[in-house]
Amino acid sequence: MLANLLIHTVEVYRRAVVTEGPDTGDYVRDRFGQPLTINPRQHEVGGETLVHTYPCRAYKKTGGLLNNERMTDTFERYYEMFTETGVDIREDDAVRCIDANGNLVFERGKIRYVEPVYDGFGPHHVEYVVWIQDGPDGSTA
């Protein structure tokens, strides 16, 4: 029954990792030792790759204009996303959601919160809150 409700597809992008040498498996890091692809908008530049696609369901929770220091015309949006249990989505992955017609539900964003939900028999599904920042015209930062 849950599978019938998962009408969207989530694409999971994972940070680039070192493939050779003593740091194999660790994230590619910048000169300060920080992971190179922290911002999900950098995935083409930093080498993040599409690693999984899963059925999901997503909708916009909240969003609007931010008025913080040095943030001009920055909009922040939150989406609620649901998947089946057993999916490989990590909190440091970037995710993007597409509907059945190939239209974008939301652009690449970061997982802000993950919570497995249980029923009387065990794990039932997983709920995610996805955080997006973009400009006033929907352009990504």
N, C-alpha and C. Protein backbone atom coordinates (compact mmCIF):
# COMPACT_ATOMS: atom_id res chain seq x y z
N MET A 1 0.81 -1.19 0.00
CA MET A 1 0.00 0.00 0.00
C MET A 1 0.86 1.27 0.00
N LEU A 2 1.95 1.29 0.80
CA LEU A 2 2.84 2.44 0.84
C LEU A 2 3.44 2.71 -0.54
N ALA A 3 3.83 1.65 -1.23
CA ALA A 3 4.47 1.81 -2.54
C ALA A 3 3.56 2.57 -3.51
N ASN A 4 2.25 2.42 -3.42
CA ASN A 4 1.33 3.13 -4.30
C ASN A 4 1.29 4.63 -4.03
N LEU A 5 1.68 5.04 -2.84
CA LEU A 5 1.67 6.46 -2.47
C LEU A 5 2.97 7.17 -2.87
N LEU A 6 4.01 6.41 -3.18
CA LEU A 6 5.31 6.99 -3.51
C LEU A 6 5.34 7.31 -5.01
N ILE A 7 4.81 8.48 -5.36
CA ILE A 7 4.57 8.85 -6.76
C ILE A 7 5.71 9.66 -7.38
N HIS A 8 6.74 9.98 -6.61
CA HIS A 8 7.88 10.75 -7.11
C HIS A 8 9.14 9.88 -7.08
N THR A 9 10.22 10.42 -7.63
CA THR A 9 11.52 9.75 -7.60
C THR A 9 12.54 10.68 -6.98
N VAL A 10 13.31 10.18 -6.03
CA VAL A 10 14.39 10.97 -5.44
C VAL A 10 15.71 10.48 -6.03
N GLU A 11 16.54 11.45 -6.44
CA GLU A 11 17.89 11.16 -6.91
C GLU A 11 18.83 11.50 -5.76
N VAL A 12 19.75 10.59 -5.45
CA VAL A 12 20.68 10.77 -4.34
C VAL A 12 22.07 11.02 -4.91
N TYR A 13 22.65 12.15 -4.54
CA TYR A 13 24.00 12.52 -4.96
C TYR A 13 24.92 12.46 -3.76
N ARG A 14 26.04 11.75 -3.91
CA ARG A 14 26.97 11.58 -2.80
C ARG A 14 28.24 12.35 -3.07
N ARG A 15 28.84 12.87 -2.00
CA ARG A 15 30.10 13.61 -2.12
C ARG A 15 31.18 12.73 -2.74
N ALA A 16 32.08 13.40 -3.44
CA ALA A 16 33.20 12.70 -4.06
C ALA A 16 34.12 12.11 -3.00
N VAL A 17 34.62 10.91 -3.27
CA VAL A 17 35.55 10.26 -2.34
C VAL A 17 36.87 9.96 -3.06
N VAL A 18 37.92 9.85 -2.27
CA VAL A 18 39.24 9.51 -2.79
C VAL A 18 39.22 8.05 -3.19
N THR A 19 39.71 7.73 -4.39
CA THR A 19 39.67 6.35 -4.87
C THR A 19 41.02 5.65 -4.84
N GLU A 20 42.10 6.39 -4.59
CA GLU A 20 43.43 5.77 -4.55
C GLU A 20 44.25 6.37 -3.42
N GLY A 21 45.23 5.61 -2.94
CA GLY A 21 46.15 6.13 -1.94
C GLY A 21 45.71 5.86 -0.52
N PRO A 22 46.42 6.46 0.45
CA PRO A 22 46.15 6.16 1.86
C PRO A 22 44.80 6.69 2.35
N ASP A 23 44.22 7.67 1.66
CA ASP A 23 42.94 8.24 2.09
C ASP A 23 41.75 7.66 1.34
N THR A 24 41.91 6.50 0.71
CA THR A 24 40.84 5.88 -0.06
C THR A 24 39.57 5.76 0.78
N GLY A 25 38.46 6.20 0.21
CA GLY A 25 37.16 6.12 0.88
C GLY A 25 36.81 7.38 1.65
N ASP A 26 37.78 8.24 1.93
CA ASP A 26 37.50 9.50 2.61
C ASP A 26 37.02 10.52 1.58
N TYR A 27 36.30 11.55 2.05
CA TYR A 27 35.83 12.60 1.14
C TYR A 27 37.01 13.36 0.53
N VAL A 28 36.86 13.81 -0.70
CA VAL A 28 37.83 14.71 -1.31
C VAL A 28 37.75 16.01 -0.51
N ARG A 29 38.90 16.50 -0.06
CA ARG A 29 38.92 17.65 0.83
C ARG A 29 39.67 18.82 0.20
N ASP A 30 39.30 20.04 0.64
CA ASP A 30 39.99 21.23 0.15
C ASP A 30 41.26 21.47 0.97
N ARG A 31 41.94 22.58 0.73
CA ARG A 31 43.21 22.85 1.40
C ARG A 31 43.06 23.08 2.90
N PHE A 32 41.83 23.29 3.37
CA PHE A 32 41.58 23.49 4.80
C PHE A 32 41.12 22.20 5.49
N GLY A 33 41.04 21.11 4.73
CA GLY A 33 40.62 19.84 5.29
C GLY A 33 39.13 19.62 5.33
N GLN A 34 38.35 20.53 4.72
CA GLN A 34 36.89 20.40 4.70
C GLN A 34 36.46 19.63 3.45
N PRO A 35 35.36 18.86 3.53
CA PRO A 35 34.87 18.19 2.32
C PRO A 35 34.65 19.20 1.21
N LEU A 36 35.08 18.86 0.00
CA LEU A 36 35.05 19.79 -1.13
C LEU A 36 33.63 20.16 -1.53
N THR A 37 32.69 19.24 -1.41
CA THR A 37 31.34 19.50 -1.88
C THR A 37 30.38 19.57 -0.71
N ILE A 38 30.40 20.68 0.01
CA ILE A 38 29.51 20.87 1.15
C ILE A 38 28.15 21.34 0.67
N ASN A 39 28.12 22.26 -0.27
CA ASN A 39 26.88 22.83 -0.79
C ASN A 39 26.35 21.92 -1.89
N PRO A 40 25.08 21.50 -1.83
CA PRO A 40 24.55 20.60 -2.86
C PRO A 40 24.58 21.20 -4.26
N ARG A 41 24.64 22.53 -4.37
CA ARG A 41 24.70 23.16 -5.69
C ARG A 41 26.05 22.93 -6.36
N GLN A 42 27.05 22.48 -5.61
CA GLN A 42 28.39 22.30 -6.14
C GLN A 42 28.62 20.90 -6.69
N HIS A 43 27.59 20.09 -6.78
CA HIS A 43 27.87 18.69 -7.09
C HIS A 43 28.50 18.47 -8.45
N GLU A 44 28.21 19.31 -9.45
CA GLU A 44 28.86 19.14 -10.74
C GLU A 44 30.33 19.53 -10.65
N VAL A 45 30.62 20.59 -9.89
CA VAL A 45 31.98 21.11 -9.78
C VAL A 45 32.83 20.20 -8.90
N GLY A 46 32.29 19.77 -7.78
CA GLY A 46 33.07 19.02 -6.81
C GLY A 46 33.15 17.53 -7.06
N GLY A 47 32.42 17.02 -8.00
CA GLY A 47 32.53 15.61 -8.33
C GLY A 47 31.51 14.71 -7.68
N GLU A 48 30.47 15.27 -7.04
CA GLU A 48 29.43 14.40 -6.50
C GLU A 48 28.78 13.65 -7.65
N THR A 49 28.36 12.45 -7.39
CA THR A 49 27.77 11.65 -8.45
C THR A 49 26.42 11.10 -8.01
N LEU A 50 25.57 10.86 -8.99
CA LEU A 50 24.28 10.22 -8.74
C LEU A 50 24.56 8.77 -8.36
N VAL A 51 24.15 8.39 -7.15
CA VAL A 51 24.44 7.03 -6.69
C VAL A 51 23.20 6.16 -6.57
N HIS A 52 22.03 6.76 -6.37
CA HIS A 52 20.80 5.97 -6.22
C HIS A 52 19.60 6.77 -6.70
N THR A 53 18.55 6.06 -7.08
CA THR A 53 17.23 6.65 -7.26
C THR A 53 16.24 5.74 -6.53
N TYR A 54 15.26 6.36 -5.88
CA TYR A 54 14.26 5.60 -5.11
C TYR A 54 12.89 6.22 -5.31
N PRO A 55 11.83 5.42 -5.19
CA PRO A 55 10.48 6.00 -5.15
C PRO A 55 10.32 6.80 -3.86
N CYS A 56 9.61 7.91 -3.93
CA CYS A 56 9.38 8.73 -2.75
C CYS A 56 8.10 9.53 -2.95
N ARG A 57 7.76 10.30 -1.96
CA ARG A 57 6.70 11.29 -2.08
C ARG A 57 7.19 12.54 -1.37
N ALA A 58 6.98 13.70 -1.99
CA ALA A 58 7.49 14.93 -1.41
C ALA A 58 6.49 16.06 -1.59
N TYR A 59 6.51 16.99 -0.66
CA TYR A 59 5.69 18.19 -0.77
C TYR A 59 6.38 19.31 -0.01
N LYS A 60 6.05 20.56 -0.39
CA LYS A 60 6.65 21.71 0.28
C LYS A 60 6.00 21.89 1.65
N LYS A 61 6.85 22.02 2.66
CA LYS A 61 6.38 22.26 4.03
C LYS A 61 6.23 23.75 4.30
N THR A 62 7.35 24.46 4.22
CA THR A 62 7.37 25.89 4.50
C THR A 62 8.40 26.54 3.60
N GLY A 63 8.42 27.85 3.62
CA GLY A 63 9.45 28.54 2.87
C GLY A 63 9.15 30.01 2.77
N GLY A 64 10.18 30.76 2.44
CA GLY A 64 10.02 32.19 2.27
C GLY A 64 11.34 32.92 2.27
N LEU A 65 11.25 34.22 2.23
CA LEU A 65 12.40 35.09 2.16
C LEU A 65 13.11 35.16 3.50
N LEU A 66 14.45 35.09 3.46
CA LEU A 66 15.26 35.25 4.66
C LEU A 66 15.80 36.67 4.71
N ASN A 67 15.84 37.24 5.87
CA ASN A 67 16.42 38.56 6.04
C ASN A 67 17.54 38.49 7.07
N ASN A 68 18.60 37.83 6.72
CA ASN A 68 19.75 37.72 7.59
C ASN A 68 20.88 38.57 7.05
N GLU A 69 21.87 38.80 7.88
CA GLU A 69 23.03 39.58 7.46
C GLU A 69 23.67 38.94 6.23
N ARG A 70 23.97 39.76 5.24
CA ARG A 70 24.63 39.34 3.99
C ARG A 70 23.80 38.38 3.14
N MET A 71 22.51 38.32 3.35
CA MET A 71 21.65 37.45 2.56
C MET A 71 20.59 38.32 1.90
N THR A 72 20.84 38.71 0.68
CA THR A 72 19.90 39.54 -0.06
C THR A 72 19.12 38.66 -1.03
N ASP A 73 17.82 38.74 -0.98
CA ASP A 73 16.97 37.95 -1.87
C ASP A 73 17.27 36.46 -1.83
N THR A 74 17.46 35.94 -0.63
CA THR A 74 17.69 34.51 -0.45
C THR A 74 16.41 33.90 0.10
N PHE A 75 15.95 32.88 -0.57
CA PHE A 75 14.75 32.18 -0.14
C PHE A 75 15.14 30.81 0.39
N GLU A 76 14.52 30.42 1.49
CA GLU A 76 14.77 29.12 2.10
C GLU A 76 13.46 28.34 2.07
N ARG A 77 13.55 27.10 1.65
CA ARG A 77 12.37 26.25 1.56
C ARG A 77 12.66 24.90 2.21
N TYR A 78 11.63 24.34 2.80
CA TYR A 78 11.72 23.01 3.38
C TYR A 78 10.69 22.11 2.72
N TYR A 79 11.12 20.91 2.40
CA TYR A 79 10.24 19.90 1.82
C TYR A 79 10.21 18.69 2.74
N GLU A 80 9.06 18.07 2.84
CA GLU A 80 8.90 16.80 3.56
C GLU A 80 8.97 15.70 2.50
N MET A 81 9.74 14.66 2.77
CA MET A 81 9.90 13.57 1.82
C MET A 81 9.76 12.25 2.56
N PHE A 82 9.09 11.30 1.94
CA PHE A 82 8.86 9.98 2.52
C PHE A 82 9.42 8.92 1.59
N THR A 83 10.08 7.89 2.15
CA THR A 83 10.55 6.75 1.38
C THR A 83 10.24 5.47 2.15
N GLU A 84 10.42 4.36 1.48
CA GLU A 84 10.35 3.07 2.17
C GLU A 84 11.59 2.91 3.03
N THR A 85 11.57 1.97 3.95
CA THR A 85 12.75 1.68 4.75
C THR A 85 13.78 0.97 3.89
N GLY A 86 15.02 0.98 4.32
CA GLY A 86 16.07 0.25 3.61
C GLY A 86 16.72 1.04 2.49
N VAL A 87 16.37 2.31 2.31
CA VAL A 87 17.03 3.10 1.27
C VAL A 87 18.35 3.64 1.80
N ASP A 88 19.29 3.86 0.90
CA ASP A 88 20.62 4.36 1.29
C ASP A 88 20.70 5.86 1.02
N ILE A 89 20.12 6.65 1.92
CA ILE A 89 20.20 8.10 1.85
C ILE A 89 20.83 8.57 3.16
N ARG A 90 21.98 9.21 3.04
CA ARG A 90 22.72 9.68 4.21
C ARG A 90 22.44 11.15 4.46
N GLU A 91 22.65 11.59 5.69
CA GLU A 91 22.37 12.98 6.03
C GLU A 91 23.29 13.96 5.31
N ASP A 92 24.44 13.52 4.82
CA ASP A 92 25.33 14.44 4.10
C ASP A 92 25.21 14.30 2.58
N ASP A 93 24.19 13.60 2.11
CA ASP A 93 23.93 13.51 0.67
C ASP A 93 23.13 14.71 0.20
N ALA A 94 23.21 14.99 -1.09
CA ALA A 94 22.32 15.96 -1.72
C ALA A 94 21.22 15.15 -2.42
N VAL A 95 19.99 15.64 -2.39
CA VAL A 95 18.89 14.93 -3.02
C VAL A 95 18.11 15.88 -3.94
N ARG A 96 17.51 15.31 -4.95
CA ARG A 96 16.68 16.05 -5.90
C ARG A 96 15.46 15.19 -6.18
N CYS A 97 14.28 15.81 -6.32
CA CYS A 97 13.05 15.05 -6.49
C CYS A 97 12.38 15.40 -7.80
N ILE A 98 11.89 14.36 -8.51
CA ILE A 98 11.25 14.51 -9.81
C ILE A 98 9.90 13.79 -9.77
N ASP A 99 8.88 14.37 -10.42
CA ASP A 99 7.57 13.72 -10.44
C ASP A 99 7.49 12.70 -11.58
N ALA A 100 6.35 12.05 -11.73
CA ALA A 100 6.18 10.98 -12.72
C ALA A 100 6.31 11.48 -14.15
N ASN A 101 6.09 12.78 -14.39
CA ASN A 101 6.20 13.35 -15.74
C ASN A 101 7.57 13.93 -16.02
N GLY A 102 8.51 13.77 -15.10
CA GLY A 102 9.86 14.30 -15.28
C GLY A 102 10.02 15.75 -14.86
N ASN A 103 8.98 16.33 -14.24
CA ASN A 103 9.07 17.70 -13.76
C ASN A 103 9.75 17.74 -12.39
N LEU A 104 10.45 18.81 -12.14
CA LEU A 104 11.17 18.98 -10.89
C LEU A 104 10.21 19.31 -9.75
N VAL A 105 10.23 18.51 -8.68
CA VAL A 105 9.48 18.82 -7.47
C VAL A 105 10.32 19.77 -6.62
N PHE A 106 11.60 19.40 -6.43
CA PHE A 106 12.56 20.33 -5.84
C PHE A 106 13.95 20.06 -6.37
N GLU A 107 14.73 21.13 -6.44
CA GLU A 107 16.12 21.08 -6.90
C GLU A 107 16.99 20.50 -5.79
N ARG A 108 18.26 20.25 -6.09
CA ARG A 108 19.16 19.66 -5.11
C ARG A 108 19.11 20.39 -3.78
N GLY A 109 18.96 19.63 -2.72
CA GLY A 109 18.93 20.16 -1.38
C GLY A 109 19.63 19.21 -0.43
N LYS A 110 19.76 19.63 0.80
CA LYS A 110 20.42 18.82 1.81
C LYS A 110 19.39 18.23 2.78
N ILE A 111 19.71 17.07 3.26
CA ILE A 111 18.87 16.42 4.27
C ILE A 111 19.10 17.16 5.59
N ARG A 112 18.04 17.69 6.15
CA ARG A 112 18.17 18.39 7.43
C ARG A 112 17.82 17.47 8.60
N TYR A 113 16.89 16.55 8.36
CA TYR A 113 16.39 15.72 9.43
C TYR A 113 15.90 14.39 8.86
N VAL A 114 16.21 13.30 9.54
CA VAL A 114 15.77 11.96 9.13
C VAL A 114 15.12 11.29 10.34
N GLU A 115 13.96 10.67 10.10
CA GLU A 115 13.32 9.95 11.19
C GLU A 115 12.62 8.70 10.66
N PRO A 116 13.05 7.52 11.11
CA PRO A 116 12.30 6.31 10.77
C PRO A 116 11.00 6.29 11.56
N VAL A 117 9.92 5.87 10.92
CA VAL A 117 8.61 5.83 11.57
C VAL A 117 8.20 4.36 11.69
N TYR A 118 7.71 4.00 12.87
CA TYR A 118 7.38 2.61 13.18
C TYR A 118 5.88 2.44 13.33
N ASP A 119 5.40 1.25 12.96
CA ASP A 119 4.03 0.88 13.28
C ASP A 119 4.10 -0.28 14.27
N GLY A 120 3.04 -1.00 14.47
CA GLY A 120 3.01 -2.09 15.45
C GLY A 120 3.88 -3.27 15.10
N PHE A 121 4.38 -3.33 13.87
CA PHE A 121 5.16 -4.48 13.41
C PHE A 121 6.64 -4.15 13.20
N GLY A 122 7.02 -2.88 13.35
CA GLY A 122 8.42 -2.50 13.14
C GLY A 122 8.52 -1.27 12.25
N PRO A 123 9.67 -1.08 11.59
CA PRO A 123 9.83 0.10 10.74
C PRO A 123 8.82 0.10 9.59
N HIS A 124 8.16 1.24 9.36
CA HIS A 124 7.15 1.36 8.32
C HIS A 124 7.65 2.19 7.14
N HIS A 125 8.20 3.38 7.41
CA HIS A 125 8.74 4.25 6.38
C HIS A 125 9.72 5.22 7.00
N VAL A 126 10.38 6.03 6.17
CA VAL A 126 11.34 7.01 6.66
C VAL A 126 10.88 8.39 6.20
N GLU A 127 10.93 9.36 7.12
CA GLU A 127 10.56 10.74 6.80
C GLU A 127 11.82 11.60 6.83
N TYR A 128 11.92 12.49 5.83
CA TYR A 128 13.06 13.39 5.71
C TYR A 128 12.55 14.82 5.62
N VAL A 129 13.32 15.76 6.16
CA VAL A 129 13.11 17.17 5.89
C VAL A 129 14.29 17.61 5.04
N VAL A 130 13.98 18.16 3.86
CA VAL A 130 15.01 18.59 2.92
C VAL A 130 15.04 20.11 2.90
N TRP A 131 16.23 20.67 2.97
CA TRP A 131 16.45 22.12 3.05
C TRP A 131 17.01 22.63 1.73
N ILE A 132 16.36 23.67 1.18
CA ILE A 132 16.75 24.26 -0.11
C ILE A 132 16.95 25.76 0.08
N GLN A 133 17.97 26.31 -0.54
CA GLN A 133 18.12 27.76 -0.61
C GLN A 133 18.21 28.14 -2.08
N ASP A 134 17.52 29.22 -2.48
CA ASP A 134 17.63 29.69 -3.85
C ASP A 134 17.31 31.18 -3.91
N GLY A 135 17.33 31.73 -5.12
CA GLY A 135 17.09 33.14 -5.34
C GLY A 135 15.63 33.42 -5.56
N PRO A 136 15.27 34.70 -5.76
CA PRO A 136 13.87 35.08 -5.89
C PRO A 136 13.19 34.52 -7.12
N ASP A 137 13.94 34.18 -8.14
CA ASP A 137 13.35 33.64 -9.37
C ASP A 137 13.46 32.11 -9.44
N GLY A 138 13.82 31.50 -8.30
CA GLY A 138 13.99 30.05 -8.28
C GLY A 138 15.36 29.59 -8.70
N SER A 139 16.26 30.52 -9.03
CA SER A 139 17.61 30.14 -9.43
C SER A 139 18.37 29.68 -8.21
N THR A 140 19.21 28.70 -8.39
CA THR A 140 19.96 28.14 -7.26
C THR A 140 21.20 28.94 -7.01
N ALA A 141 21.57 28.99 -5.75
CA ALA A 141 22.76 29.76 -5.36
C ALA A 141 24.00 28.96 -5.56
